[in-house]
Amino acid sequence: MSLQLPGWAAALLEDLGYWWTNADELKLGQAGTLVVDAEPLLDAVRDLARVSAAKVWNDNAGDGVNAFQTAWDADDAPDAVLSDATTGMLAVGAGLFVSGAIVRPSRPMSWSSSPRWPPR
C-alpha cells in the first residue's frame, strides 16, 4: 500500500498549495478487478434469460406469448439491456484501472501487494 496521509495533513498540504491525492490506487485496482470479474456472471444471467425466454415462446402459443416475444425482441428488452450492461461493466472496470494508474505516479510506493494487479 502506498503512503497515506491523514485527512488533516492532506488538507494542510492543499492549503499550502501542494496537491496530495487521498485516493488509494490499490483499492481502485481491486475495485476494477471486482467489476471486471463480475462481468461473466452478468453474461451468464443474460444467457440463462435468453434460453428461458426462447423456451416460453417455443413451448407455448397465443397472443400473450406473441406479445412477450415481441417485447423481448425490442431495443429496450432485457436481453439488449443486459448486453449493454456487460459492455458498461468492462468500461467501468477499465476506468477504475486507469484511475489507479493516474493516482500511482504521485505516490512513492508500488502496487506490489495487490495479487491481481495488473489484471490478466
PDB file of N, CA and C in Angstrom:
ATOM      1  N   MET A   1       0.841  -1.167   0.000  1.00  0.00           N
ATOM      2  CA  MET A   1       0.000   0.000   0.000  1.00  0.00           C
ATOM      3  C   MET A   1       0.887   1.231   0.000  1.00  0.00           C
ATOM      4  N   SER A   2       0.419   2.252  -0.622  1.00  0.00           N
ATOM      5  CA  SER A   2       1.197   3.469  -0.721  1.00  0.00           C
ATOM      6  C   SER A   2       1.056   4.319   0.531  1.00  0.00           C
ATOM      7  N   LEU A   3       1.830   5.355   0.568  1.00  0.00           N
ATOM      8  CA  LEU A   3       1.836   6.265   1.707  1.00  0.00           C
ATOM      9  C   LEU A   3       0.505   6.978   1.808  1.00  0.00           C
ATOM     10  N   GLN A   4      -0.142   6.883   2.949  1.00  0.00           N
ATOM     11  CA  GLN A   4      -1.422   7.536   3.179  1.00  0.00           C
ATOM     12  C   GLN A   4      -1.247   8.607   4.238  1.00  0.00           C
ATOM     13  N   LEU A   5      -1.581   9.817   3.883  1.00  0.00           N
ATOM     14  CA  LEU A   5      -1.554  10.901   4.860  1.00  0.00           C
ATOM     15  C   LEU A   5      -2.896  10.957   5.559  1.00  0.00           C
ATOM     16  N   PRO A   6      -2.921  11.362   6.827  1.00  0.00           N
ATOM     17  CA  PRO A   6      -4.206  11.595   7.472  1.00  0.00           C
ATOM     18  C   PRO A   6      -4.933  12.733   6.763  1.00  0.00           C
ATOM     19  N   GLY A   7      -6.233  12.743   6.866  1.00  0.00           N
ATOM     20  CA  GLY A   7      -7.035  13.748   6.180  1.00  0.00           C
ATOM     21  C   GLY A   7      -6.610  15.176   6.488  1.00  0.00           C
ATOM     22  N   TRP A   8      -6.296  15.443   7.751  1.00  0.00           N
ATOM     23  CA  TRP A   8      -5.916  16.808   8.121  1.00  0.00           C
ATOM     24  C   TRP A   8      -4.591  17.195   7.476  1.00  0.00           C
ATOM     25  N   ALA A   9      -3.661  16.246   7.322  1.00  0.00           N
ATOM     26  CA  ALA A   9      -2.365  16.553   6.726  1.00  0.00           C
ATOM     27  C   ALA A   9      -2.513  16.813   5.221  1.00  0.00           C
ATOM     28  N   ALA A  10      -3.349  16.023   4.562  1.00  0.00           N
ATOM     29  CA  ALA A  10      -3.596  16.248   3.135  1.00  0.00           C
ATOM     30  C   ALA A  10      -4.256  17.605   2.928  1.00  0.00           C
ATOM     31  N   ALA A  11      -5.203  17.963   3.813  1.00  0.00           N
ATOM     32  CA  ALA A  11      -5.864  19.267   3.708  1.00  0.00           C
ATOM     33  C   ALA A  11      -4.865  20.393   3.952  1.00  0.00           C
ATOM     34  N   LEU A  12      -3.959  20.218   4.913  1.00  0.00           N
ATOM     35  CA  LEU A  12      -2.950  21.232   5.190  1.00  0.00           C
ATOM     36  C   LEU A  12      -2.036  21.420   3.983  1.00  0.00           C
ATOM     37  N   LEU A  13      -1.594  20.319   3.386  1.00  0.00           N
ATOM     38  CA  LEU A  13      -0.763  20.421   2.189  1.00  0.00           C
ATOM     39  C   LEU A  13      -1.492  21.150   1.075  1.00  0.00           C
ATOM     40  N   GLU A  14      -2.784  20.859   0.926  1.00  0.00           N
ATOM     41  CA  GLU A  14      -3.570  21.531  -0.106  1.00  0.00           C
ATOM     42  C   GLU A  14      -3.660  23.028   0.182  1.00  0.00           C
ATOM     43  N   ASP A  15      -3.862  23.396   1.448  1.00  0.00           N
ATOM     44  CA  ASP A  15      -3.902  24.819   1.821  1.00  0.00           C
ATOM     45  C   ASP A  15      -2.574  25.506   1.536  1.00  0.00           C
ATOM     46  N   LEU A  16      -1.484  24.762   1.639  1.00  0.00           N
ATOM     47  CA  LEU A  16      -0.157  25.319   1.386  1.00  0.00           C
ATOM     48  C   LEU A  16       0.197  25.325  -0.108  1.00  0.00           C
ATOM     49  N   GLY A  17      -0.720  24.827  -0.939  1.00  0.00           N
ATOM     50  CA  GLY A  17      -0.503  24.855  -2.376  1.00  0.00           C
ATOM     51  C   GLY A  17       0.040  23.576  -2.968  1.00  0.00           C
ATOM     52  N   TYR A  18       0.124  22.517  -2.174  1.00  0.00           N
ATOM     53  CA  TYR A  18       0.586  21.227  -2.681  1.00  0.00           C
ATOM     54  C   TYR A  18      -0.614  20.320  -2.903  1.00  0.00           C
ATOM     55  N   TRP A  19      -0.550  19.551  -3.986  1.00  0.00           N
ATOM     56  CA  TRP A  19      -1.646  18.628  -4.254  1.00  0.00           C
ATOM     57  C   TRP A  19      -1.246  17.240  -3.783  1.00  0.00           C
ATOM     58  N   TRP A  20      -2.077  16.663  -2.935  1.00  0.00           N
ATOM     59  CA  TRP A  20      -1.855  15.302  -2.465  1.00  0.00           C
ATOM     60  C   TRP A  20      -3.188  14.573  -2.533  1.00  0.00           C
ATOM     61  N   THR A  21      -3.224  13.548  -3.335  1.00  0.00           N
ATOM     62  CA  THR A  21      -4.481  12.827  -3.511  1.00  0.00           C
ATOM     63  C   THR A  21      -4.790  11.955  -2.297  1.00  0.00           C
ATOM     64  N   ASN A  22      -6.064  11.865  -1.971  1.00  0.00           N
ATOM     65  CA  ASN A  22      -6.500  10.977  -0.897  1.00  0.00           C
ATOM     66  C   ASN A  22      -6.963   9.632  -1.435  1.00  0.00           C
ATOM     67  N   ALA A  23      -6.879   9.459  -2.750  1.00  0.00           N
ATOM     68  CA  ALA A  23      -7.303   8.202  -3.363  1.00  0.00           C
ATOM     69  C   ALA A  23      -6.272   7.115  -3.081  1.00  0.00           C
ATOM     70  N   ASP A  24      -6.746   5.893  -3.011  1.00  0.00           N
ATOM     71  CA  ASP A  24      -5.880   4.737  -2.774  1.00  0.00           C
ATOM     72  C   ASP A  24      -5.845   3.910  -4.056  1.00  0.00           C
ATOM     73  N   GLU A  25      -4.718   3.931  -4.748  1.00  0.00           N
ATOM     74  CA  GLU A  25      -4.627   3.234  -6.035  1.00  0.00           C
ATOM     75  C   GLU A  25      -4.808   1.733  -5.890  1.00  0.00           C
ATOM     76  N   LEU A  26      -4.441   1.164  -4.772  1.00  0.00           N
ATOM     77  CA  LEU A  26      -4.626  -0.265  -4.555  1.00  0.00           C
ATOM     78  C   LEU A  26      -6.116  -0.598  -4.518  1.00  0.00           C
ATOM     79  N   LYS A  27      -6.878   0.211  -3.803  1.00  0.00           N
ATOM     80  CA  LYS A  27      -8.325  -0.037  -3.730  1.00  0.00           C
ATOM     81  C   LYS A  27      -8.991   0.215  -5.080  1.00  0.00           C
ATOM     82  N   LEU A  28      -8.510   1.206  -5.830  1.00  0.00           N
ATOM     83  CA  LEU A  28      -9.056   1.432  -7.165  1.00  0.00           C
ATOM     84  C   LEU A  28      -8.789   0.216  -8.062  1.00  0.00           C
ATOM     85  N   GLY A  29      -7.585  -0.334  -7.994  1.00  0.00           N
ATOM     86  CA  GLY A  29      -7.266  -1.520  -8.776  1.00  0.00           C
ATOM     87  C   GLY A  29      -8.085  -2.725  -8.360  1.00  0.00           C
ATOM     88  N   GLN A  30      -8.277  -2.888  -7.049  1.00  0.00           N
ATOM     89  CA  GLN A  30      -9.080  -4.011  -6.562  1.00  0.00           C
ATOM     90  C   GLN A  30     -10.541  -3.853  -6.982  1.00  0.00           C
ATOM     91  N   ALA A  31     -11.054  -2.624  -6.943  1.00  0.00           N
ATOM     92  CA  ALA A  31     -12.435  -2.386  -7.375  1.00  0.00           C
ATOM     93  C   ALA A  31     -12.579  -2.692  -8.864  1.00  0.00           C
ATOM     94  N   GLY A  32     -11.587  -2.291  -9.658  1.00  0.00           N
ATOM     95  CA  GLY A  32     -11.618  -2.611 -11.079  1.00  0.00           C
ATOM     96  C   GLY A  32     -11.615  -4.106 -11.324  1.00  0.00           C
ATOM     97  N   THR A  33     -10.817  -4.830 -10.551  1.00  0.00           N
ATOM     98  CA  THR A  33     -10.771  -6.287 -10.669  1.00  0.00           C
ATOM     99  C   THR A  33     -12.122  -6.901 -10.323  1.00  0.00           C
ATOM    100  N   LEU A  34     -12.756  -6.418  -9.262  1.00  0.00           N
ATOM    101  CA  LEU A  34     -14.075  -6.942  -8.875  1.00  0.00           C
ATOM    102  C   LEU A  34     -15.108  -6.723  -9.970  1.00  0.00           C
ATOM    103  N   VAL A  35     -15.105  -5.523 -10.555  1.00  0.00           N
ATOM    104  CA  VAL A  35     -16.087  -5.215 -11.600  1.00  0.00           C
ATOM    105  C   VAL A  35     -15.841  -6.078 -12.832  1.00  0.00           C
ATOM    106  N   VAL A  36     -14.594  -6.178 -13.265  1.00  0.00           N
ATOM    107  CA  VAL A  36     -14.286  -6.976 -14.454  1.00  0.00           C
ATOM    108  C   VAL A  36     -14.570  -8.456 -14.206  1.00  0.00           C
ATOM    109  N   ASP A  37     -14.270  -8.948 -13.002  1.00  0.00           N
ATOM    110  CA  ASP A  37     -14.535 -10.358 -12.685  1.00  0.00           C
ATOM    111  C   ASP A  37     -16.025 -10.664 -12.593  1.00  0.00           C
ATOM    112  N   ALA A  38     -16.854  -9.664 -12.302  1.00  0.00           N
ATOM    113  CA  ALA A  38     -18.299  -9.881 -12.195  1.00  0.00           C
ATOM    114  C   ALA A  38     -18.987  -9.898 -13.553  1.00  0.00           C
ATOM    115  N   GLU A  39     -18.331  -9.387 -14.578  1.00  0.00           N
ATOM    116  CA  GLU A  39     -18.946  -9.300 -15.900  1.00  0.00           C
ATOM    117  C   GLU A  39     -19.367 -10.668 -16.452  1.00  0.00           C
ATOM    118  N   PRO A  40     -18.570 -11.733 -16.317  1.00  0.00           N
ATOM    119  CA  PRO A  40     -19.031 -13.041 -16.810  1.00  0.00           C
ATOM    120  C   PRO A  40     -20.290 -13.541 -16.094  1.00  0.00           C
ATOM    121  N   LEU A  41     -20.480 -13.148 -14.851  1.00  0.00           N
ATOM    122  CA  LEU A  41     -21.705 -13.535 -14.146  1.00  0.00           C
ATOM    123  C   LEU A  41     -22.923 -12.891 -14.800  1.00  0.00           C
ATOM    124  N   LEU A  42     -22.787 -11.637 -15.190  1.00  0.00           N
ATOM    125  CA  LEU A  42     -23.889 -10.961 -15.873  1.00  0.00           C
ATOM    126  C   LEU A  42     -24.142 -11.591 -17.239  1.00  0.00           C
ATOM    127  N   ASP A  43     -23.078 -12.003 -17.920  1.00  0.00           N
ATOM    128  CA  ASP A  43     -23.240 -12.730 -19.184  1.00  0.00           C
ATOM    129  C   ASP A  43     -24.019 -14.018 -18.974  1.00  0.00           C
ATOM    130  N   ALA A  44     -23.717 -14.726 -17.897  1.00  0.00           N
ATOM    131  CA  ALA A  44     -24.415 -15.987 -17.609  1.00  0.00           C
ATOM    132  C   ALA A  44     -25.896 -15.746 -17.327  1.00  0.00           C
ATOM    133  N   VAL A  45     -26.205 -14.678 -16.604  1.00  0.00           N
ATOM    134  CA  VAL A  45     -27.612 -14.338 -16.332  1.00  0.00           C
ATOM    135  C   VAL A  45     -28.325 -14.028 -17.643  1.00  0.00           C
ATOM    136  N   ARG A  46     -27.680 -13.242 -18.516  1.00  0.00           N
ATOM    137  CA  ARG A  46     -28.283 -12.909 -19.804  1.00  0.00           C
ATOM    138  C   ARG A  46     -28.523 -14.164 -20.633  1.00  0.00           C
ATOM    139  N   ASP A  47     -27.544 -15.070 -20.668  1.00  0.00           N
ATOM    140  CA  ASP A  47     -27.690 -16.298 -21.450  1.00  0.00           C
ATOM    141  C   ASP A  47     -28.808 -17.179 -20.904  1.00  0.00           C
ATOM    142  N   LEU A  48     -28.911 -17.265 -19.586  1.00  0.00           N
ATOM    143  CA  LEU A  48     -29.998 -18.033 -18.971  1.00  0.00           C
ATOM    144  C   LEU A  48     -31.353 -17.415 -19.299  1.00  0.00           C
ATOM    145  N   ALA A  49     -31.418 -16.091 -19.285  1.00  0.00           N
ATOM    146  CA  ALA A  49     -32.671 -15.413 -19.631  1.00  0.00           C
ATOM    147  C   ALA A  49     -33.041 -15.672 -21.090  1.00  0.00           C
ATOM    148  N   ARG A  50     -32.051 -15.671 -21.974  1.00  0.00           N
ATOM    149  CA  ARG A  50     -32.319 -15.964 -23.395  1.00  0.00           C
ATOM    150  C   ARG A  50     -32.910 -17.354 -23.563  1.00  0.00           C
ATOM    151  N   VAL A  51     -32.301 -18.335 -22.917  1.00  0.00           N
ATOM    152  CA  VAL A  51     -32.779 -19.717 -23.030  1.00  0.00           C
ATOM    153  C   VAL A  51     -34.193 -19.839 -22.465  1.00  0.00           C
ATOM    154  N   SER A  52     -34.426 -19.214 -21.324  1.00  0.00           N
ATOM    155  CA  SER A  52     -35.753 -19.291 -20.696  1.00  0.00           C
ATOM    156  C   SER A  52     -36.812 -18.604 -21.545  1.00  0.00           C
ATOM    157  N   ALA A  53     -36.472 -17.447 -22.107  1.00  0.00           N
ATOM    158  CA  ALA A  53     -37.435 -16.730 -22.950  1.00  0.00           C
ATOM    159  C   ALA A  53     -37.761 -17.541 -24.206  1.00  0.00           C
ATOM    160  N   ALA A  54     -36.748 -18.127 -24.820  1.00  0.00           N
ATOM    161  CA  ALA A  54     -36.987 -18.936 -26.015  1.00  0.00           C
ATOM    162  C   ALA A  54     -37.863 -20.143 -25.682  1.00  0.00           C
ATOM    163  N   LYS A  55     -37.657 -20.705 -24.503  1.00  0.00           N
ATOM    164  CA  LYS A  55     -38.482 -21.840 -24.073  1.00  0.00           C
ATOM    165  C   LYS A  55     -39.954 -21.427 -23.954  1.00  0.00           C
ATOM    166  N   VAL A  56     -40.194 -20.211 -23.497  1.00  0.00           N
ATOM    167  CA  VAL A  56     -41.576 -19.728 -23.354  1.00  0.00           C
ATOM    168  C   VAL A  56     -42.269 -19.701 -24.709  1.00  0.00           C
ATOM    169  N   TRP A  57     -41.649 -19.075 -25.727  1.00  0.00           N
ATOM    170  CA  TRP A  57     -42.366 -18.980 -26.993  1.00  0.00           C
ATOM    171  C   TRP A  57     -42.261 -20.238 -27.849  1.00  0.00           C
ATOM    172  N   ASN A  58     -41.327 -21.139 -27.535  1.00  0.00           N
ATOM    173  CA  ASN A  58     -41.276 -22.410 -28.263  1.00  0.00           C
ATOM    174  C   ASN A  58     -42.257 -23.440 -27.702  1.00  0.00           C
ATOM    175  N   ASP A  59     -42.523 -23.377 -26.404  1.00  0.00           N
ATOM    176  CA  ASP A  59     -43.379 -24.377 -25.762  1.00  0.00           C
ATOM    177  C   ASP A  59     -44.825 -23.920 -25.598  1.00  0.00           C
ATOM    178  N   ASN A  60     -45.116 -22.658 -25.933  1.00  0.00           N
ATOM    179  CA  ASN A  60     -46.456 -22.113 -25.711  1.00  0.00           C
ATOM    180  C   ASN A  60     -46.914 -21.371 -26.956  1.00  0.00           C
ATOM    181  N   ALA A  61     -48.205 -21.077 -26.982  1.00  0.00           N
ATOM    182  CA  ALA A  61     -48.783 -20.343 -28.112  1.00  0.00           C
ATOM    183  C   ALA A  61     -49.860 -19.403 -27.590  1.00  0.00           C
ATOM    184  N   GLY A  62     -50.164 -18.405 -28.373  1.00  0.00           N
ATOM    185  CA  GLY A  62     -51.227 -17.482 -28.003  1.00  0.00           C
ATOM    186  C   GLY A  62     -50.789 -16.041 -28.148  1.00  0.00           C
ATOM    187  N   ASP A  63     -51.779 -15.155 -27.972  1.00  0.00           N
ATOM    188  CA  ASP A  63     -51.498 -13.725 -28.118  1.00  0.00           C
ATOM    189  C   ASP A  63     -50.531 -13.222 -27.054  1.00  0.00           C
ATOM    190  N   GLY A  64     -50.661 -13.727 -25.837  1.00  0.00           N
ATOM    191  CA  GLY A  64     -49.766 -13.302 -24.762  1.00  0.00           C
ATOM    192  C   GLY A  64     -48.319 -13.704 -25.029  1.00  0.00           C
ATOM    193  N   VAL A  65     -48.150 -14.908 -25.560  1.00  0.00           N
ATOM    194  CA  VAL A  65     -46.804 -15.393 -25.868  1.00  0.00           C
ATOM    195  C   VAL A  65     -46.209 -14.577 -27.013  1.00  0.00           C
ATOM    196  N   ASN A  66     -47.038 -14.264 -28.026  1.00  0.00           N
ATOM    197  CA  ASN A  66     -46.562 -13.437 -29.138  1.00  0.00           C
ATOM    198  C   ASN A  66     -46.192 -12.038 -28.654  1.00  0.00           C
ATOM    199  N   ALA A  67     -46.974 -11.492 -27.748  1.00  0.00           N
ATOM    200  CA  ALA A  67     -46.664 -10.167 -27.187  1.00  0.00           C
ATOM    201  C   ALA A  67     -45.360 -10.223 -26.390  1.00  0.00           C
ATOM    202  N   PHE A  68     -45.165 -11.310 -25.660  1.00  0.00           N
ATOM    203  CA  PHE A  68     -43.927 -11.471 -24.899  1.00  0.00           C
ATOM    204  C   PHE A  68     -42.723 -11.524 -25.833  1.00  0.00           C
ATOM    205  N   GLN A  69     -42.839 -12.298 -26.922  1.00  0.00           N
ATOM    206  CA  GLN A  69     -41.724 -12.412 -27.859  1.00  0.00           C
ATOM    207  C   GLN A  69     -41.438 -11.069 -28.531  1.00  0.00           C
ATOM    208  N   THR A  70     -42.475 -10.332 -28.875  1.00  0.00           N
ATOM    209  CA  THR A  70     -42.291  -9.010 -29.470  1.00  0.00           C
ATOM    210  C   THR A  70     -41.598  -8.076 -28.486  1.00  0.00           C
ATOM    211  N   ALA A  71     -42.012  -8.116 -27.223  1.00  0.00           N
ATOM    212  CA  ALA A  71     -41.390  -7.270 -26.201  1.00  0.00           C
ATOM    213  C   ALA A  71     -39.938  -7.693 -25.965  1.00  0.00           C
ATOM    214  N   TRP A  72     -39.685  -8.993 -25.995  1.00  0.00           N
ATOM    215  CA  TRP A  72     -38.317  -9.491 -25.765  1.00  0.00           C
ATOM    216  C   TRP A  72     -37.367  -9.054 -26.883  1.00  0.00           C
ATOM    217  N   ASP A  73     -37.880  -8.950 -28.101  1.00  0.00           N
ATOM    218  CA  ASP A  73     -37.053  -8.577 -29.246  1.00  0.00           C
ATOM    219  C   ASP A  73     -36.903  -7.069 -29.416  1.00  0.00           C
ATOM    220  N   ALA A  74     -37.541  -6.275 -28.574  1.00  0.00           N
ATOM    221  CA  ALA A  74     -37.472  -4.809 -28.678  1.00  0.00           C
ATOM    222  C   ALA A  74     -36.074  -4.301 -28.311  1.00  0.00           C
ATOM    223  N   ASP A  75     -35.793  -3.060 -28.697  1.00  0.00           N
ATOM    224  CA  ASP A  75     -34.480  -2.453 -28.434  1.00  0.00           C
ATOM    225  C   ASP A  75     -34.202  -2.254 -26.950  1.00  0.00           C
ATOM    226  N   ASP A  76     -35.256  -2.072 -26.167  1.00  0.00           N
ATOM    227  CA  ASP A  76     -35.072  -1.844 -24.722  1.00  0.00           C
ATOM    228  C   ASP A  76     -35.428  -3.085 -23.898  1.00  0.00           C
ATOM    229  N   ALA A  77     -35.374  -4.249 -24.537  1.00  0.00           N
ATOM    230  CA  ALA A  77     -35.715  -5.511 -23.869  1.00  0.00           C
ATOM    231  C   ALA A  77     -34.583  -5.946 -22.935  1.00  0.00           C
ATOM    232  N   PRO A  78     -34.880  -6.855 -22.008  1.00  0.00           N
ATOM    233  CA  PRO A  78     -33.862  -7.309 -21.058  1.00  0.00           C
ATOM    234  C   PRO A  78     -32.591  -7.832 -21.722  1.00  0.00           C
ATOM    235  N   ASP A  79     -32.723  -8.539 -22.819  1.00  0.00           N
ATOM    236  CA  ASP A  79     -31.538  -9.083 -23.494  1.00  0.00           C
ATOM    237  C   ASP A  79     -30.616  -7.955 -23.960  1.00  0.00           C
ATOM    238  N   ALA A  80     -31.185  -6.946 -24.592  1.00  0.00           N
ATOM    239  CA  ALA A  80     -30.383  -5.817 -25.073  1.00  0.00           C
ATOM    240  C   ALA A  80     -29.794  -5.022 -23.907  1.00  0.00           C
ATOM    241  N   VAL A  81     -30.577  -4.840 -22.868  1.00  0.00           N
ATOM    242  CA  VAL A  81     -30.106  -4.076 -21.706  1.00  0.00           C
ATOM    243  C   VAL A  81     -28.953  -4.815 -21.019  1.00  0.00           C
ATOM    244  N   LEU A  82     -29.088  -6.123 -20.855  1.00  0.00           N
ATOM    245  CA  LEU A  82     -28.016  -6.892 -20.218  1.00  0.00           C
ATOM    246  C   LEU A  82     -26.756  -6.935 -21.087  1.00  0.00           C
ATOM    247  N   SER A  83     -26.921  -6.971 -22.401  1.00  0.00           N
ATOM    248  CA  SER A  83     -25.752  -6.923 -23.297  1.00  0.00           C
ATOM    249  C   SER A  83     -25.028  -5.591 -23.155  1.00  0.00           C
ATOM    250  N   ASP A  84     -25.799  -4.501 -23.093  1.00  0.00           N
ATOM    251  CA  ASP A  84     -25.198  -3.180 -22.899  1.00  0.00           C
ATOM    252  C   ASP A  84     -24.537  -3.077 -21.528  1.00  0.00           C
ATOM    253  N   ALA A  85     -25.136  -3.697 -20.529  1.00  0.00           N
ATOM    254  CA  ALA A  85     -24.594  -3.632 -19.173  1.00  0.00           C
ATOM    255  C   ALA A  85     -23.239  -4.336 -19.078  1.00  0.00           C
ATOM    256  N   THR A  86     -23.073  -5.437 -19.793  1.00  0.00           N
ATOM    257  CA  THR A  86     -21.778  -6.125 -19.747  1.00  0.00           C
ATOM    258  C   THR A  86     -20.690  -5.261 -20.369  1.00  0.00           C
ATOM    259  N   THR A  87     -21.023  -4.571 -21.440  1.00  0.00           N
ATOM    260  CA  THR A  87     -20.063  -3.647 -22.053  1.00  0.00           C
ATOM    261  C   THR A  87     -19.748  -2.510 -21.083  1.00  0.00           C
ATOM    262  N   GLY A  88     -20.780  -2.006 -20.434  1.00  0.00           N
ATOM    263  CA  GLY A  88     -20.586  -0.930 -19.462  1.00  0.00           C
ATOM    264  C   GLY A  88     -19.735  -1.353 -18.282  1.00  0.00           C
ATOM    265  N   MET A  89     -19.907  -2.586 -17.836  1.00  0.00           N
ATOM    266  CA  MET A  89     -19.098  -3.071 -16.713  1.00  0.00           C
ATOM    267  C   MET A  89     -17.620  -3.106 -17.076  1.00  0.00           C
ATOM    268  N   LEU A  90     -17.319  -3.543 -18.284  1.00  0.00           N
ATOM    269  CA  LEU A  90     -15.917  -3.573 -18.713  1.00  0.00           C
ATOM    270  C   LEU A  90     -15.349  -2.160 -18.810  1.00  0.00           C
ATOM    271  N   ALA A  91     -16.174  -1.206 -19.259  1.00  0.00           N
ATOM    272  CA  ALA A  91     -15.722   0.185 -19.352  1.00  0.00           C
ATOM    273  C   ALA A  91     -15.473   0.767 -17.959  1.00  0.00           C
ATOM    274  N   VAL A  92     -16.355   0.473 -17.009  1.00  0.00           N
ATOM    275  CA  VAL A  92     -16.171   0.953 -15.641  1.00  0.00           C
ATOM    276  C   VAL A  92     -14.915   0.342 -15.027  1.00  0.00           C
ATOM    277  N   GLY A  93     -14.726  -0.953 -15.213  1.00  0.00           N
ATOM    278  CA  GLY A  93     -13.519  -1.606 -14.701  1.00  0.00           C
ATOM    279  C   GLY A  93     -12.257  -0.988 -15.274  1.00  0.00           C
ATOM    280  N   ALA A  94     -12.262  -0.727 -16.575  1.00  0.00           N
ATOM    281  CA  ALA A  94     -11.106  -0.093 -17.214  1.00  0.00           C
ATOM    282  C   ALA A  94     -10.892   1.308 -16.648  1.00  0.00           C
ATOM    283  N   GLY A  95     -11.985   2.026 -16.413  1.00  0.00           N
ATOM    284  CA  GLY A  95     -11.877   3.364 -15.829  1.00  0.00           C
ATOM    285  C   GLY A  95     -11.257   3.330 -14.445  1.00  0.00           C
ATOM    286  N   LEU A  96     -11.619   2.335 -13.655  1.00  0.00           N
ATOM    287  CA  LEU A  96     -11.024   2.204 -12.324  1.00  0.00           C
ATOM    288  C   LEU A  96      -9.535   1.888 -12.408  1.00  0.00           C
ATOM    289  N   PHE A  97      -9.142   1.026 -13.355  1.00  0.00           N
ATOM    290  CA  PHE A  97      -7.721   0.721 -13.541  1.00  0.00           C
ATOM    291  C   PHE A  97      -6.949   1.976 -13.956  1.00  0.00           C
ATOM    292  N   VAL A  98      -7.526   2.738 -14.885  1.00  0.00           N
ATOM    293  CA  VAL A  98      -6.869   3.962 -15.345  1.00  0.00           C
ATOM    294  C   VAL A  98      -6.765   4.967 -14.199  1.00  0.00           C
ATOM    295  N   SER A  99      -7.822   5.083 -13.408  1.00  0.00           N
ATOM    296  CA  SER A  99      -7.786   5.999 -12.261  1.00  0.00           C
ATOM    297  C   SER A  99      -6.684   5.605 -11.287  1.00  0.00           C
ATOM    298  N   GLY A 100      -6.552   4.325 -11.036  1.00  0.00           N
ATOM    299  CA  GLY A 100      -5.487   3.855 -10.158  1.00  0.00           C
ATOM    300  C   GLY A 100      -4.117   4.151 -10.731  1.00  0.00           C
ATOM    301  N   ALA A 101      -3.992   4.033 -12.046  1.00  0.00           N
ATOM    302  CA  ALA A 101      -2.705   4.325 -12.691  1.00  0.00           C
ATOM    303  C   ALA A 101      -2.383   5.811 -12.641  1.00  0.00           C
ATOM    304  N   ILE A 102      -3.391   6.648 -12.689  1.00  0.00           N
ATOM    305  CA  ILE A 102      -3.173   8.095 -12.599  1.00  0.00           C
ATOM    306  C   ILE A 102      -2.761   8.484 -11.187  1.00  0.00           C
ATOM    307  N   VAL A 103      -3.373   7.867 -10.185  1.00  0.00           N
ATOM    308  CA  VAL A 103      -3.053   8.171  -8.791  1.00  0.00           C
ATOM    309  C   VAL A 103      -1.649   7.700  -8.457  1.00  0.00           C
ATOM    310  N   ARG A 104      -1.240   6.571  -9.001  1.00  0.00           N
ATOM    311  CA  ARG A 104       0.024   5.943  -8.624  1.00  0.00           C
ATOM    312  C   ARG A 104       1.259   6.829  -8.783  1.00  0.00           C
ATOM    313  N   PRO A 105       1.424   7.594  -9.883  1.00  0.00           N
ATOM    314  CA  PRO A 105       2.660   8.372 -10.017  1.00  0.00           C
ATOM    315  C   PRO A 105       2.886   9.397  -8.901  1.00  0.00           C
ATOM    316  N   SER A 106       1.836   9.795  -8.217  1.00  0.00           N
ATOM    317  CA  SER A 106       2.010  10.768  -7.141  1.00  0.00           C
ATOM    318  C   SER A 106       2.394  10.100  -5.831  1.00  0.00           C
ATOM    319  N   ARG A 107       2.529   8.776  -5.841  1.00  0.00           N
ATOM    320  CA  ARG A 107       2.836   8.026  -4.631  1.00  0.00           C
ATOM    321  C   ARG A 107       4.214   7.395  -4.734  1.00  0.00           C
ATOM    322  N   PRO A 108       4.919   7.264  -3.620  1.00  0.00           N
ATOM    323  CA  PRO A 108       6.272   6.709  -3.679  1.00  0.00           C
ATOM    324  C   PRO A 108       6.355   5.190  -3.709  1.00  0.00           C
ATOM    325  N   MET A 109       5.270   4.464  -3.470  1.00  0.00           N
ATOM    326  CA  MET A 109       5.353   3.002  -3.377  1.00  0.00           C
ATOM    327  C   MET A 109       4.597   2.357  -4.529  1.00  0.00           C
ATOM    328  N   SER A 110       4.691   1.039  -4.650  1.00  0.00           N
ATOM    329  CA  SER A 110       4.113   0.337  -5.790  1.00  0.00           C
ATOM    330  C   SER A 110       2.875  -0.458  -5.403  1.00  0.00           C
ATOM    331  N   TRP A 111       2.315  -1.095  -6.418  1.00  0.00           N
ATOM    332  CA  TRP A 111       1.130  -1.939  -6.247  1.00  0.00           C
ATOM    333  C   TRP A 111       1.515  -3.371  -5.939  1.00  0.00           C
ATOM    334  N   SER A 112       2.695  -3.621  -5.565  1.00  0.00           N
ATOM    335  CA  SER A 112       3.184  -4.999  -5.456  1.00  0.00           C
ATOM    336  C   SER A 112       2.396  -5.842  -4.464  1.00  0.00           C
ATOM    337  N   SER A 113       1.659  -5.225  -3.550  1.00  0.00           N
ATOM    338  CA  SER A 113       0.905  -6.015  -2.581  1.00  0.00           C
ATOM    339  C   SER A 113      -0.423  -6.515  -3.137  1.00  0.00           C
ATOM    340  N   SER A 114      -0.822  -6.069  -4.321  1.00  0.00           N
ATOM    341  CA  SER A 114      -2.072  -6.493  -4.931  1.00  0.00           C
ATOM    342  C   SER A 114      -1.841  -7.770  -5.726  1.00  0.00           C
ATOM    343  N   PRO A 115      -2.500  -8.881  -5.395  1.00  0.00           N
ATOM    344  CA  PRO A 115      -2.245 -10.131  -6.086  1.00  0.00           C
ATOM    345  C   PRO A 115      -2.708 -10.153  -7.535  1.00  0.00           C
ATOM    346  N   ARG A 116      -3.689  -9.350  -7.918  1.00  0.00           N
ATOM    347  CA  ARG A 116      -4.234  -9.397  -9.264  1.00  0.00           C
ATOM    348  C   ARG A 116      -3.859  -8.166 -10.075  1.00  0.00           C
ATOM    349  N   TRP A 117      -2.903  -7.385  -9.642  1.00  0.00           N
ATOM    350  CA  TRP A 117      -2.568  -6.173 -10.377  1.00  0.00           C
ATOM    351  C   TRP A 117      -1.257  -6.352 -11.089  1.00  0.00           C
ATOM    352  N   PRO A 118      -1.108  -6.124 -12.342  1.00  0.00           N
ATOM    353  CA  PRO A 118      -2.140  -5.706 -13.275  1.00  0.00           C
ATOM    354  C   PRO A 118      -3.079  -6.855 -13.628  1.00  0.00           C
ATOM    355  N   PRO A 119      -4.246  -6.527 -14.164  1.00  0.00           N
ATOM    356  CA  PRO A 119      -5.221  -7.592 -14.485  1.00  0.00           C
ATOM    357  C   PRO A 119      -4.684  -8.486 -15.584  1.00  0.00           C
ATOM    358  N   ARG A 120      -5.195  -9.698 -15.601  1.00  0.00           N
ATOM    359  CA  ARG A 120      -4.768 -10.673 -16.618  1.00  0.00           C
ATOM    360  C   ARG A 120      -5.378 -10.349 -17.954  1.00  0.00           C
TER     361      ARG A 120
END
